[in-house]
Amino acid sequence: MPEPLPAELGALFDTVQASDFTVVLGLREDEKTGLRYRFVRADVEEGFRRAARESTVNALRRFQGATILQYDSAHLLEDKEVFKRRLNDAGLEAVADVLAHPAVLPAASYRDFDRKIDFYAFVYLQRPEVWAAFIRQAFQVHVSGIHKLIAVYRAQRLAKPSDDQRVLRFDDRFDIALDSSHCYVVKETAFDDLFIDRAEWQKRVPAEVDALIERGLPFANAKEFIAACQSNLNMMKKLKRIAESDYLDMITPEKVRTLIAEYGLSRSLVAGDSFVFDPGDRWRILKVLDDDYVKSSLTERRYETNSKVHIIGRTDSP
């Protein structure tokens, strides 16, 4: 017998089965801006409506027996794991408001498909407060126009599409699901590409590095460290997690020297009482400060980890 869907995804499943359906396209107005999108409604025929609903149901069934996790930036999602985040924490309240009211959006024209589509969303709406949307990143959409060698099979013969037709092919997966209060992230890279405003993250980096310095963690080459972090979203995420951690007062240059010796790391990470960012090994200082070097109490083996979950034990305060 198949395992059940997690309760949260089961609720989405019920909404899909009992709701009206439409498609919303997200098109980025300006590549240099963050969350400034234009949403366009695509009208759909009954045959496509049925096929889309079946596709969404199949996509949800892939998550039978899945684990729903509260968002933790230190954890990398594995197969059948889904992050659950409140809409306001994920910064998706405005997106959700648009998806919940598709009827007020301008109807899509065939010319919209000639532009860069960032995502499409299958939206199932019972009423304004009960709805579900399933977002798929745009490069998963195959778009063909008259300039490509394609044909439409209609009335038992092949026909070339007219000037105002575009042919799309959707798949039966989703990257992010939303309801009226939460989002469920299946693919973090899609979330980052679609909804992270990198410019805003870059603006925060100097203050986050200043916060480390104020907590007694000075850098000999802070400007280089800031510039490197600003060039990479994952580095900015790791820096943010470090700056917001509750253990910074426990870190000292002396403790880092001990860790360097124990794990065979480069001694150039620390010079005097300052940390040194090495452009040739740009992740190392972040991994040290993010507490990525751990020792097993079972085997005494030492590890460098890329994903971890904090477990409250007897030596931790609840």
C-alpha atoms as a PDB file:
ATOM      1  CA  MET A   1       0.000   0.000   0.000  1.00  0.00           C
ATOM      2  CA  PRO A   2       1.423   3.433  -0.939  1.00  0.00           C
ATOM      3  CA  GLU A   3       2.474   5.649   1.929  1.00  0.00           C
ATOM      4  CA  PRO A   4       0.174   8.615   2.596  1.00  0.00           C
ATOM      5  CA  LEU A   5       0.936  12.162   1.621  1.00  0.00           C
ATOM      6  CA  PRO A   6       2.084  14.433   4.441  1.00  0.00           C
ATOM      7  CA  ALA A   7      -0.905  16.287   5.895  1.00  0.00           C
ATOM      8  CA  GLU A   8       0.124  19.622   4.348  1.00  0.00           C
ATOM      9  CA  LEU A   9       0.426  18.161   0.852  1.00  0.00           C
ATOM     10  CA  GLY A  10      -2.761  16.169   1.392  1.00  0.00           C
ATOM     11  CA  ALA A  11      -4.596  19.448   1.937  1.00  0.00           C
ATOM     12  CA  LEU A  12      -3.171  20.759  -1.351  1.00  0.00           C
ATOM     13  CA  PHE A  13      -4.280  17.538  -3.043  1.00  0.00           C
ATOM     14  CA  ASP A  14      -7.859  18.100  -1.839  1.00  0.00           C
ATOM     15  CA  THR A  15      -7.795  21.678  -3.117  1.00  0.00           C
ATOM     16  CA  VAL A  16      -6.626  20.512  -6.559  1.00  0.00           C
ATOM     17  CA  GLN A  17      -9.492  18.032  -6.787  1.00  0.00           C
ATOM     18  CA  ALA A  18     -12.210  20.502  -5.836  1.00  0.00           C
ATOM     19  CA  SER A  19     -11.184  23.804  -7.416  1.00  0.00           C
ATOM     20  CA  ASP A  20     -11.301  25.817 -10.619  1.00  0.00           C
ATOM     21  CA  PHE A  21      -8.120  25.885 -12.654  1.00  0.00           C
ATOM     22  CA  THR A  22      -6.103  28.493 -14.501  1.00  0.00           C
ATOM     23  CA  VAL A  23      -2.515  29.079 -15.586  1.00  0.00           C
ATOM     24  CA  VAL A  24      -0.464  32.070 -14.541  1.00  0.00           C
ATOM     25  CA  LEU A  25       2.780  33.011 -16.273  1.00  0.00           C
ATOM     26  CA  GLY A  26       5.482  35.000 -14.533  1.00  0.00           C
ATOM     27  CA  LEU A  27       7.592  37.228 -16.750  1.00  0.00           C
ATOM     28  CA  ARG A  28      10.471  39.261 -15.432  1.00  0.00           C
ATOM     29  CA  GLU A  29      10.197  42.903 -16.462  1.00  0.00           C
ATOM     30  CA  ASP A  30      13.870  43.680 -15.972  1.00  0.00           C
ATOM     31  CA  GLU A  31      16.751  41.225 -15.534  1.00  0.00           C
ATOM     32  CA  LYS A  32      18.444  43.612 -13.108  1.00  0.00           C
ATOM     33  CA  THR A  33      15.523  43.923 -10.718  1.00  0.00           C
ATOM     34  CA  GLY A  34      14.483  41.476  -8.021  1.00  0.00           C
ATOM     35  CA  LEU A  35      10.862  40.535  -7.526  1.00  0.00           C
ATOM     36  CA  ARG A  36       9.333  42.812 -10.139  1.00  0.00           C
ATOM     37  CA  TYR A  37       7.280  40.419 -12.187  1.00  0.00           C
ATOM     38  CA  ARG A  38       4.303  40.676 -14.475  1.00  0.00           C
ATOM     39  CA  PHE A  39       1.771  37.888 -14.213  1.00  0.00           C
ATOM     40  CA  VAL A  40      -0.298  36.906 -17.195  1.00  0.00           C
ATOM     41  CA  ARG A  41      -3.304  34.636 -17.155  1.00  0.00           C
ATOM     42  CA  ALA A  42      -3.606  32.055 -19.912  1.00  0.00           C
ATOM     43  CA  ASP A  43      -7.130  30.877 -20.751  1.00  0.00           C
ATOM     44  CA  VAL A  44      -7.356  27.096 -20.974  1.00  0.00           C
ATOM     45  CA  GLU A  45      -9.665  24.638 -22.724  1.00  0.00           C
ATOM     46  CA  GLU A  46     -11.436  21.827 -20.898  1.00  0.00           C
ATOM     47  CA  GLY A  47      -9.214  19.104 -22.352  1.00  0.00           C
ATOM     48  CA  PHE A  48      -6.089  20.843 -21.107  1.00  0.00           C
ATOM     49  CA  ARG A  49      -7.795  21.576 -17.800  1.00  0.00           C
ATOM     50  CA  ARG A  50      -8.357  17.856 -17.184  1.00  0.00           C
ATOM     51  CA  ALA A  51      -4.826  16.946 -18.270  1.00  0.00           C
ATOM     52  CA  ALA A  52      -3.297  19.652 -16.062  1.00  0.00           C
ATOM     53  CA  ARG A  53      -5.249  18.480 -13.020  1.00  0.00           C
ATOM     54  CA  GLU A  54      -4.106  14.909 -13.616  1.00  0.00           C
ATOM     55  CA  SER A  55      -0.534  16.140 -14.030  1.00  0.00           C
ATOM     56  CA  THR A  56      -0.676  18.013 -10.706  1.00  0.00           C
ATOM     57  CA  VAL A  57      -2.164  15.001  -8.929  1.00  0.00           C
ATOM     58  CA  ASN A  58       0.653  12.818 -10.272  1.00  0.00           C
ATOM     59  CA  ALA A  59       3.221  15.394  -9.184  1.00  0.00           C
ATOM     60  CA  LEU A  60       1.834  15.371  -5.638  1.00  0.00           C
ATOM     61  CA  ARG A  61       1.771  11.578  -5.508  1.00  0.00           C
ATOM     62  CA  ARG A  62       5.525  11.589  -5.969  1.00  0.00           C
ATOM     63  CA  PHE A  63       5.660  12.900  -2.403  1.00  0.00           C
ATOM     64  CA  GLN A  64       3.832  10.045  -0.744  1.00  0.00           C
ATOM     65  CA  GLY A  65       5.879   9.250   2.346  1.00  0.00           C
ATOM     66  CA  ALA A  66       7.813  12.515   2.044  1.00  0.00           C
ATOM     67  CA  THR A  67       9.132  14.483   5.023  1.00  0.00           C
ATOM     68  CA  ILE A  68       8.068  18.099   5.574  1.00  0.00           C
ATOM     69  CA  LEU A  69      10.866  20.120   7.190  1.00  0.00           C
ATOM     70  CA  GLN A  70      10.877  23.581   8.662  1.00  0.00           C
ATOM     71  CA  TYR A  71      13.237  25.707   6.610  1.00  0.00           C
ATOM     72  CA  ASP A  72      16.876  25.475   7.686  1.00  0.00           C
ATOM     73  CA  SER A  73      19.465  27.125   5.481  1.00  0.00           C
ATOM     74  CA  ALA A  74      22.119  24.739   6.839  1.00  0.00           C
ATOM     75  CA  HIS A  75      20.268  21.703   5.452  1.00  0.00           C
ATOM     76  CA  LEU A  76      20.414  20.554   1.829  1.00  0.00           C
ATOM     77  CA  LEU A  77      17.176  18.973   0.680  1.00  0.00           C
ATOM     78  CA  GLU A  78      17.335  15.291  -0.155  1.00  0.00           C
ATOM     79  CA  ASP A  79      14.933  13.175  -2.175  1.00  0.00           C
ATOM     80  CA  LYS A  80      11.386  13.336  -0.817  1.00  0.00           C
ATOM     81  CA  GLU A  81      12.171  16.215   1.533  1.00  0.00           C
ATOM     82  CA  VAL A  82      10.228  19.468   1.313  1.00  0.00           C
ATOM     83  CA  PHE A  83      10.879  22.744   3.101  1.00  0.00           C
ATOM     84  CA  LYS A  84       7.835  24.433   4.638  1.00  0.00           C
ATOM     85  CA  ARG A  85       8.009  28.200   5.109  1.00  0.00           C
ATOM     86  CA  ARG A  86       5.465  30.848   6.059  1.00  0.00           C
ATOM     87  CA  LEU A  87       4.800  33.183   3.153  1.00  0.00           C
ATOM     88  CA  ASN A  88       6.027  36.257   5.020  1.00  0.00           C
ATOM     89  CA  ASP A  89       9.261  34.507   6.059  1.00  0.00           C
ATOM     90  CA  ALA A  90       9.887  33.451   2.456  1.00  0.00           C
ATOM     91  CA  GLY A  91       9.075  36.920   1.088  1.00  0.00           C
ATOM     92  CA  LEU A  92       6.268  35.559  -1.092  1.00  0.00           C
ATOM     93  CA  GLU A  93       3.251  37.412   0.281  1.00  0.00           C
ATOM     94  CA  ALA A  94       2.978  39.649  -2.794  1.00  0.00           C
ATOM     95  CA  VAL A  95       3.401  36.698  -5.153  1.00  0.00           C
ATOM     96  CA  ALA A  96       0.730  34.752  -3.274  1.00  0.00           C
ATOM     97  CA  ASP A  97      -1.666  37.705  -3.433  1.00  0.00           C
ATOM     98  CA  VAL A  98      -1.358  37.760  -7.224  1.00  0.00           C
ATOM     99  CA  LEU A  99      -1.767  34.007  -7.628  1.00  0.00           C
ATOM    100  CA  ALA A 100      -4.842  34.030  -5.387  1.00  0.00           C
ATOM    101  CA  HIS A 101      -6.581  36.565  -7.668  1.00  0.00           C
ATOM    102  CA  PRO A 102      -5.890  35.447 -11.255  1.00  0.00           C
ATOM    103  CA  ALA A 103      -9.114  36.917 -12.616  1.00  0.00           C
ATOM    104  CA  VAL A 104      -7.784  40.470 -12.305  1.00  0.00           C
ATOM    105  CA  LEU A 105      -4.695  39.745 -14.406  1.00  0.00           C
ATOM    106  CA  PRO A 106      -4.392  40.728 -18.059  1.00  0.00           C
ATOM    107  CA  ALA A 107      -4.947  37.824 -20.451  1.00  0.00           C
ATOM    108  CA  ALA A 108      -1.851  36.401 -22.119  1.00  0.00           C
ATOM    109  CA  SER A 109      -1.259  37.077 -25.803  1.00  0.00           C
ATOM    110  CA  TYR A 110       0.804  34.842 -28.037  1.00  0.00           C
ATOM    111  CA  ARG A 111       3.530  37.492 -28.031  1.00  0.00           C
ATOM    112  CA  ASP A 112       4.079  36.951 -24.317  1.00  0.00           C
ATOM    113  CA  PHE A 113       5.532  33.549 -25.135  1.00  0.00           C
ATOM    114  CA  ASP A 114       8.227  35.170 -27.266  1.00  0.00           C
ATOM    115  CA  ARG A 115       9.620  36.876 -24.160  1.00  0.00           C
ATOM    116  CA  LYS A 116      11.543  35.295 -21.309  1.00  0.00           C
ATOM    117  CA  ILE A 117       9.075  33.398 -19.153  1.00  0.00           C
ATOM    118  CA  ASP A 118      10.438  32.949 -15.645  1.00  0.00           C
ATOM    119  CA  PHE A 119       7.841  30.512 -14.388  1.00  0.00           C
ATOM    120  CA  TYR A 120       4.406  29.107 -14.904  1.00  0.00           C
ATOM    121  CA  ALA A 121       1.954  28.264 -12.141  1.00  0.00           C
ATOM    122  CA  PHE A 122      -1.004  25.910 -12.192  1.00  0.00           C
ATOM    123  CA  VAL A 123      -3.488  27.646  -9.881  1.00  0.00           C
ATOM    124  CA  TYR A 124      -6.475  25.918  -8.268  1.00  0.00           C
ATOM    125  CA  LEU A 125      -8.935  28.321  -6.679  1.00  0.00           C
ATOM    126  CA  GLN A 126     -11.964  27.419  -4.542  1.00  0.00           C
ATOM    127  CA  ARG A 127     -12.359  30.846  -2.980  1.00  0.00           C
ATOM    128  CA  PRO A 128      -9.930  33.662  -2.128  1.00  0.00           C
ATOM    129  CA  GLU A 129      -8.799  32.053   1.123  1.00  0.00           C
ATOM    130  CA  VAL A 130      -8.675  28.450  -0.184  1.00  0.00           C
ATOM    131  CA  TRP A 131      -6.377  27.935  -3.135  1.00  0.00           C
ATOM    132  CA  ALA A 132      -3.179  26.220  -4.204  1.00  0.00           C
ATOM    133  CA  ALA A 133      -0.555  27.118  -6.779  1.00  0.00           C
ATOM    134  CA  PHE A 134       2.178  24.893  -8.215  1.00  0.00           C
ATOM    135  CA  ILE A 135       5.132  26.773  -9.670  1.00  0.00           C
ATOM    136  CA  ARG A 136       7.572  25.372 -12.197  1.00  0.00           C
ATOM    137  CA  GLN A 137      10.654  27.256 -13.341  1.00  0.00           C
ATOM    138  CA  ALA A 138      10.404  28.490 -16.912  1.00  0.00           C
ATOM    139  CA  PHE A 139      13.210  26.550 -18.522  1.00  0.00           C
ATOM    140  CA  GLN A 140      11.073  23.463 -17.975  1.00  0.00           C
ATOM    141  CA  VAL A 141       8.532  24.887 -20.454  1.00  0.00           C
ATOM    142  CA  HIS A 142       9.099  24.047 -24.096  1.00  0.00           C
ATOM    143  CA  VAL A 143       7.821  26.885 -26.284  1.00  0.00           C
ATOM    144  CA  SER A 144       7.643  26.605 -30.057  1.00  0.00           C
ATOM    145  CA  GLY A 145       6.499  29.176 -32.579  1.00  0.00           C
ATOM    146  CA  ILE A 146       6.057  29.293 -36.319  1.00  0.00           C
ATOM    147  CA  HIS A 147       9.764  29.884 -36.864  1.00  0.00           C
ATOM    148  CA  LYS A 148      10.467  26.314 -35.682  1.00  0.00           C
ATOM    149  CA  LEU A 149       9.771  23.096 -37.549  1.00  0.00           C
ATOM    150  CA  ILE A 150       6.661  21.953 -35.669  1.00  0.00           C
ATOM    151  CA  ALA A 151       3.162  20.864 -36.571  1.00  0.00           C
ATOM    152  CA  VAL A 152      -0.200  20.606 -34.852  1.00  0.00           C
ATOM    153  CA  TYR A 153      -2.183  17.400 -35.419  1.00  0.00           C
ATOM    154  CA  ARG A 154      -5.775  18.444 -35.913  1.00  0.00           C
ATOM    155  CA  ALA A 155      -8.705  16.938 -37.834  1.00  0.00           C
ATOM    156  CA  GLN A 156      -6.601  13.889 -38.798  1.00  0.00           C
ATOM    157  CA  ARG A 157      -3.910  15.874 -40.517  1.00  0.00           C
ATOM    158  CA  LEU A 158      -0.770  17.809 -39.723  1.00  0.00           C
ATOM    159  CA  ALA A 159      -1.047  21.571 -39.916  1.00  0.00           C
ATOM    160  CA  LYS A 160       1.496  24.326 -39.538  1.00  0.00           C
ATOM    161  CA  PRO A 161       0.655  26.661 -36.625  1.00  0.00           C
ATOM    162  CA  SER A 162      -0.690  30.043 -37.603  1.00  0.00           C
ATOM    163  CA  ASP A 163       1.124  33.298 -36.902  1.00  0.00           C
ATOM    164  CA  ASP A 164      -0.697  33.795 -33.612  1.00  0.00           C
ATOM    165  CA  GLN A 165      -0.139  30.289 -32.192  1.00  0.00           C
ATOM    166  CA  ARG A 166       2.523  29.004 -29.817  1.00  0.00           C
ATOM    167  CA  VAL A 167       2.892  25.382 -28.745  1.00  0.00           C
ATOM    168  CA  LEU A 168       3.882  24.655 -25.117  1.00  0.00           C
ATOM    169  CA  ARG A 169       4.829  21.410 -23.450  1.00  0.00           C
ATOM    170  CA  PHE A 170       4.540  21.160 -19.653  1.00  0.00           C
ATOM    171  CA  ASP A 171       5.832  18.375 -17.408  1.00  0.00           C
ATOM    172  CA  ASP A 172       4.300  16.744 -14.340  1.00  0.00           C
ATOM    173  CA  ARG A 173       6.530  18.199 -11.648  1.00  0.00           C
ATOM    174  CA  PHE A 174       6.633  21.379  -9.605  1.00  0.00           C
ATOM    175  CA  ASP A 175       9.404  23.255  -7.813  1.00  0.00           C
ATOM    176  CA  ILE A 176       7.370  25.273  -5.309  1.00  0.00           C
ATOM    177  CA  ALA A 177       3.800  24.993  -4.049  1.00  0.00           C
ATOM    178  CA  LEU A 178       1.870  27.751  -2.283  1.00  0.00           C
ATOM    179  CA  ASP A 179      -1.351  28.039  -0.352  1.00  0.00           C
ATOM    180  CA  SER A 180      -2.819  30.978   1.520  1.00  0.00           C
ATOM    181  CA  SER A 181      -0.305  30.794   4.390  1.00  0.00           C
ATOM    182  CA  HIS A 182       2.744  28.722   3.430  1.00  0.00           C
ATOM    183  CA  CYS A 183       5.053  27.764   0.607  1.00  0.00           C
ATOM    184  CA  TYR A 184       6.503  24.295   0.110  1.00  0.00           C
ATOM    185  CA  VAL A 185       9.913  24.277  -1.553  1.00  0.00           C
ATOM    186  CA  VAL A 186      10.931  21.177  -3.470  1.00  0.00           C
ATOM    187  CA  LYS A 187      13.829  22.702  -5.402  1.00  0.00           C
ATOM    188  CA  GLU A 188      15.802  25.423  -3.638  1.00  0.00           C
ATOM    189  CA  THR A 189      17.676  26.544  -6.744  1.00  0.00           C
ATOM    190  CA  ALA A 190      14.366  27.344  -8.428  1.00  0.00           C
ATOM    191  CA  PHE A 191      13.246  29.362  -5.395  1.00  0.00           C
ATOM    192  CA  ASP A 192      16.543  31.270  -5.424  1.00  0.00           C
ATOM    193  CA  ASP A 193      16.453  31.956  -9.169  1.00  0.00           C
ATOM    194  CA  LEU A 194      12.851  33.144  -9.148  1.00  0.00           C
ATOM    195  CA  PHE A 195      12.337  34.916  -5.861  1.00  0.00           C
ATOM    196  CA  ILE A 196      15.658  35.943  -4.303  1.00  0.00           C
ATOM    197  CA  ASP A 197      16.593  39.588  -4.861  1.00  0.00           C
ATOM    198  CA  ARG A 198      20.362  39.291  -5.120  1.00  0.00           C
ATOM    199  CA  ALA A 199      20.871  43.046  -5.105  1.00  0.00           C
ATOM    200  CA  GLU A 200      19.195  43.293  -1.699  1.00  0.00           C
ATOM    201  CA  TRP A 201      21.291  40.426  -0.360  1.00  0.00           C
ATOM    202  CA  GLN A 202      24.446  42.109  -1.646  1.00  0.00           C
ATOM    203  CA  LYS A 203      23.547  45.327   0.156  1.00  0.00           C
ATOM    204  CA  ARG A 204      23.372  43.457   3.473  1.00  0.00           C
ATOM    205  CA  VAL A 205      26.803  41.829   3.233  1.00  0.00           C
ATOM    206  CA  PRO A 206      28.932  44.745   4.610  1.00  0.00           C
ATOM    207  CA  ALA A 207      26.686  45.057   7.680  1.00  0.00           C
ATOM    208  CA  GLU A 208      26.853  41.297   8.278  1.00  0.00           C
ATOM    209  CA  VAL A 209      30.643  41.351   8.139  1.00  0.00           C
ATOM    210  CA  ASP A 210      30.631  44.371  10.485  1.00  0.00           C
ATOM    211  CA  ALA A 211      28.485  42.323  12.869  1.00  0.00           C
ATOM    212  CA  LEU A 212      31.162  39.611  12.945  1.00  0.00           C
ATOM    213  CA  ILE A 213      33.856  42.187  13.632  1.00  0.00           C
ATOM    214  CA  GLU A 214      31.791  43.714  16.450  1.00  0.00           C
ATOM    215  CA  ARG A 215      31.496  40.247  18.004  1.00  0.00           C
ATOM    216  CA  GLY A 216      35.288  39.957  18.175  1.00  0.00           C
ATOM    217  CA  LEU A 217      35.938  38.261  14.815  1.00  0.00           C
ATOM    218  CA  PRO A 218      38.051  40.771  12.844  1.00  0.00           C
ATOM    219  CA  PHE A 219      39.240  40.214   9.268  1.00  0.00           C
ATOM    220  CA  ALA A 220      42.639  41.308   7.991  1.00  0.00           C
ATOM    221  CA  ASN A 221      41.175  41.728   4.465  1.00  0.00           C
ATOM    222  CA  ALA A 222      37.489  42.436   5.074  1.00  0.00           C
ATOM    223  CA  LYS A 223      36.960  44.214   1.727  1.00  0.00           C
ATOM    224  CA  GLU A 224      38.099  41.159  -0.221  1.00  0.00           C
ATOM    225  CA  PHE A 225      35.881  38.919   1.897  1.00  0.00           C
ATOM    226  CA  ILE A 226      32.856  41.188   1.333  1.00  0.00           C
ATOM    227  CA  ALA A 227      33.408  41.294  -2.441  1.00  0.00           C
ATOM    228  CA  ALA A 228      33.725  37.501  -2.660  1.00  0.00           C
ATOM    229  CA  CYS A 229      30.528  36.926  -0.684  1.00  0.00           C
ATOM    230  CA  GLN A 230      28.605  39.416  -2.802  1.00  0.00           C
ATOM    231  CA  SER A 231      29.543  37.458  -5.923  1.00  0.00           C
ATOM    232  CA  ASN A 232      27.879  34.223  -4.810  1.00  0.00           C
ATOM    233  CA  LEU A 233      24.366  33.732  -3.410  1.00  0.00           C
ATOM    234  CA  ASN A 234      25.291  30.586  -1.479  1.00  0.00           C
ATOM    235  CA  MET A 235      28.174  32.423   0.178  1.00  0.00           C
ATOM    236  CA  MET A 236      25.768  35.215   1.135  1.00  0.00           C
ATOM    237  CA  LYS A 237      23.382  32.652   2.623  1.00  0.00           C
ATOM    238  CA  LYS A 238      26.166  31.102   4.663  1.00  0.00           C
ATOM    239  CA  LEU A 239      27.386  34.505   5.857  1.00  0.00           C
ATOM    240  CA  LYS A 240      23.843  35.473   6.906  1.00  0.00           C
ATOM    241  CA  ARG A 241      23.466  32.240   8.862  1.00  0.00           C
ATOM    242  CA  ILE A 242      26.798  32.859  10.632  1.00  0.00           C
ATOM    243  CA  ALA A 243      25.958  36.485  11.451  1.00  0.00           C
ATOM    244  CA  GLU A 244      22.627  35.419  12.978  1.00  0.00           C
ATOM    245  CA  SER A 245      24.033  32.449  14.931  1.00  0.00           C
ATOM    246  CA  ASP A 246      24.020  32.336  18.725  1.00  0.00           C
ATOM    247  CA  TYR A 247      27.515  30.910  19.177  1.00  0.00           C
ATOM    248  CA  LEU A 248      29.789  33.653  17.829  1.00  0.00           C
ATOM    249  CA  ASP A 249      30.935  34.660  21.316  1.00  0.00           C
ATOM    250  CA  MET A 250      32.335  31.137  21.707  1.00  0.00           C
ATOM    251  CA  ILE A 251      34.692  31.500  18.717  1.00  0.00           C
ATOM    252  CA  THR A 252      38.194  32.819  19.291  1.00  0.00           C
ATOM    253  CA  PRO A 253      41.303  32.891  17.073  1.00  0.00           C
ATOM    254  CA  GLU A 254      42.938  30.449  19.495  1.00  0.00           C
ATOM    255  CA  LYS A 255      40.103  27.951  19.144  1.00  0.00           C
ATOM    256  CA  VAL A 256      40.302  28.281  15.372  1.00  0.00           C
ATOM    257  CA  ARG A 257      44.047  27.551  15.475  1.00  0.00           C
ATOM    258  CA  THR A 258      43.271  24.383  17.438  1.00  0.00           C
ATOM    259  CA  LEU A 259      40.645  23.370  14.881  1.00  0.00           C
ATOM    260  CA  ILE A 260      43.087  24.094  12.021  1.00  0.00           C
ATOM    261  CA  ALA A 261      45.650  21.770  13.566  1.00  0.00           C
ATOM    262  CA  GLU A 262      43.090  19.054  14.320  1.00  0.00           C
ATOM    263  CA  TYR A 263      41.613  19.012  10.807  1.00  0.00           C
ATOM    264  CA  GLY A 264      44.766  19.780   8.842  1.00  0.00           C
ATOM    265  CA  LEU A 265      43.551  23.111   7.475  1.00  0.00           C
ATOM    266  CA  SER A 266      45.698  25.960   6.218  1.00  0.00           C
ATOM    267  CA  ARG A 267      47.355  27.873   9.042  1.00  0.00           C
ATOM    268  CA  SER A 268      47.071  31.068   6.977  1.00  0.00           C
ATOM    269  CA  LEU A 269      43.371  31.312   7.954  1.00  0.00           C
ATOM    270  CA  VAL A 270      44.438  33.206  11.079  1.00  0.00           C
ATOM    271  CA  ALA A 271      47.096  35.904  11.353  1.00  0.00           C
ATOM    272  CA  GLY A 272      47.546  37.224  14.865  1.00  0.00           C
ATOM    273  CA  ASP A 273      44.061  37.886  16.197  1.00  0.00           C
ATOM    274  CA  SER A 274      42.489  38.347  12.749  1.00  0.00           C
ATOM    275  CA  PHE A 275      40.957  35.976  10.232  1.00  0.00           C
ATOM    276  CA  VAL A 276      42.335  36.002   6.699  1.00  0.00           C
ATOM    277  CA  PHE A 277      40.154  35.397   3.673  1.00  0.00           C
ATOM    278  CA  ASP A 278      41.932  33.346   0.982  1.00  0.00           C
ATOM    279  CA  PRO A 279      40.489  33.968  -2.537  1.00  0.00           C
ATOM    280  CA  GLY A 280      41.998  30.654  -3.653  1.00  0.00           C
ATOM    281  CA  ASP A 281      40.075  28.761  -0.954  1.00  0.00           C
ATOM    282  CA  ARG A 282      37.116  31.076  -0.662  1.00  0.00           C
ATOM    283  CA  TRP A 283      34.743  28.763   1.237  1.00  0.00           C
ATOM    284  CA  ARG A 284      37.153  27.723   3.977  1.00  0.00           C
ATOM    285  CA  ILE A 285      36.718  30.603   6.430  1.00  0.00           C
ATOM    286  CA  LEU A 286      32.947  30.467   6.004  1.00  0.00           C
ATOM    287  CA  LYS A 287      32.934  26.739   6.719  1.00  0.00           C
ATOM    288  CA  VAL A 288      35.036  27.268   9.839  1.00  0.00           C
ATOM    289  CA  LEU A 289      32.743  30.006  11.158  1.00  0.00           C
ATOM    290  CA  ASP A 290      29.618  28.016  10.202  1.00  0.00           C
ATOM    291  CA  ASP A 291      30.821  25.152  12.438  1.00  0.00           C
ATOM    292  CA  ASP A 292      31.086  22.706   9.529  1.00  0.00           C
ATOM    293  CA  TYR A 293      33.870  20.637  11.097  1.00  0.00           C
ATOM    294  CA  VAL A 294      32.437  17.978  13.393  1.00  0.00           C
ATOM    295  CA  LYS A 295      33.613  14.894  15.239  1.00  0.00           C
ATOM    296  CA  SER A 296      31.579  11.723  15.717  1.00  0.00           C
ATOM    297  CA  SER A 297      31.194  10.671  19.334  1.00  0.00           C
ATOM    298  CA  LEU A 298      30.570   7.122  18.070  1.00  0.00           C
ATOM    299  CA  THR A 299      33.636   6.578  15.876  1.00  0.00           C
ATOM    300  CA  GLU A 300      35.873   9.520  16.813  1.00  0.00           C
ATOM    301  CA  ARG A 301      36.093  10.292  13.105  1.00  0.00           C
ATOM    302  CA  ARG A 302      36.246  13.887  11.945  1.00  0.00           C
ATOM    303  CA  TYR A 303      34.063  15.240   9.147  1.00  0.00           C
ATOM    304  CA  GLU A 304      33.571  18.314   7.018  1.00  0.00           C
ATOM    305  CA  THR A 305      29.834  18.620   6.409  1.00  0.00           C
ATOM    306  CA  ASN A 306      27.811  20.485   3.792  1.00  0.00           C
ATOM    307  CA  SER A 307      24.448  19.883   5.479  1.00  0.00           C
ATOM    308  CA  LYS A 308      23.536  19.608   9.132  1.00  0.00           C
ATOM    309  CA  VAL A 309      20.631  19.777  11.538  1.00  0.00           C
ATOM    310  CA  HIS A 310      21.183  21.043  15.098  1.00  0.00           C
ATOM    311  CA  ILE A 311      20.108  18.413  17.634  1.00  0.00           C
ATOM    312  CA  ILE A 312      19.439  19.579  21.197  1.00  0.00           C
ATOM    313  CA  GLY A 313      21.232  17.210  23.558  1.00  0.00           C
ATOM    314  CA  ARG A 314      21.949  17.113  27.242  1.00  0.00           C
ATOM    315  CA  THR A 315      24.733  19.656  26.919  1.00  0.00           C
ATOM    316  CA  ASP A 316      22.537  22.142  24.991  1.00  0.00           C
ATOM    317  CA  SER A 317      20.002  24.453  26.487  1.00  0.00           C
ATOM    318  CA  PRO A 318      16.485  23.809  25.145  1.00  0.00           C
END
